[in-house]
Amino acid sequence: MDVTELSWPFFDEEHVRFATSLEQWLDTTPVFEDETAPEASVRTWVRALGDAGWLRACTALDVRKLSLARERLAYRSALADFAFAMQGLGSGAISLFGSDGLRSRYLDAVAAGTSIAAFALSEREAGSDVASMTTTANRDGDCYVLRGEKTWISNAGIADFYVVFARTSPQETGAKGISAFVVDTGTVGFALAERIETLSPHPLGTLTFDGCVIPAKHRLGEEGDGFKIAMATLDLFRTTVGAAALGFARRAYDEARAHTASRELFGAPLASLQLTQAAIADMALEIDASALLVYRAAWTKDRGAPRVTREAAMAKLFATEAAGRICDRAVQLFGGRGITRGEIVERLYRAVRALRIYEGASEVQKIVIARASMER
């Protein structure tokens, strides 16, 4: 795996040590990638990552470390990346906006891998349009009563707690009147309604809240801060989606280079054909461009920028779209083997597709970039 970017000025010695140590750990760690049992695989990865100390990065919120970890984990296993990413995203709002009590109760367990986190924002008619959510949380003394449904929720059914967004002021429209809460699994009125099967299997499902009573102290921030909390959390973690895409792309690139060097066609290596060389060149170019955008966004956030909305959107948009093209080229270079179930490039081709949709589809990122650019 190419690690030349570690010499870039985006990183300090701590980041180099972190990335190098993680790669060494991964070299000696079994890959838990059973697509027939994704829930079990995710649980195993969370515990292994927690035991080894890697999940501390999920609560420390150093975006460069988060990105370096996701790139390297995605290179080895889509479910490893998923497990790590959701520990970060699921607890990110608590790290950023939680009270001391909530931080103490949840974050240590997340870092240790003994508690699995989830982020419950999307609804059937409120995916990219978060402000259209209809789930409600009505104040009742020292509690809130949640009613509604969330869907496309990662870690649904296996998480120990969920950060849930609901409308606390039904009379207000749009982004106003939304609040965020921590809901524990097992709370009366909270249930997993269905599991959702996807192209590249991972725990995903629909949650229902039917008179679900939660303490007011489980609210994050002030009442009405929910939209701000959601956007700040996504603003921080969106860059890391680009990093995961970069990991998938690097693996597809390496597999394609090795295959074309050894596969003979018309009496010569496939790599000797100019069309093959052109494909490899395009892949290399897009990988480097993706890395520069991803780590620029991560560096900018770590340097203290209050928001990196434009930079993060650019990183996610370019890196995920590029990774899709790179994995597609790898499949093409493998020929019939490339579409055979069980081949690494076939798995990558399926795994990379979702990244262009979740945490803001590519089309949404273009809108974000345009708006941010026009405001300058």
Foldseek 3Di string as FASTA:
>chain_A
DDPVCCPPPLDDPVLVVLLVVLLVVVVPDDQQADLVCQLVNLLVLLQVCLQVQLLLCLLVLLLSSLLSNLLQQLLRYLSNSVSSLQLNLQCVLCSVFNDPVSCVVPVNCSSNSNFGGWEFQADPPPAVQSQQDAWAWEDDPQKTWTFDKTFQIFCPPNGQKGWHKHAHDVVDGGLWRIWIFIGGPPFPQKDFPDFDQALRDHTTGMIGGGRGIDGNSRTTHDGGCHSVSNVQSLQSSLLSLLSNLLSLLVSLLVLLVVQQCPDDDPRHRNCVDPVSVVLSVLSVVLSVVLVVLSSVLSSVVSVPDSGSLQSSLVSLLSSLVSSLSSLVVSLVSVPPVSCDPPDSSNSSNRSSVCSCPPSAHNVRSVVSNVVVVVVD
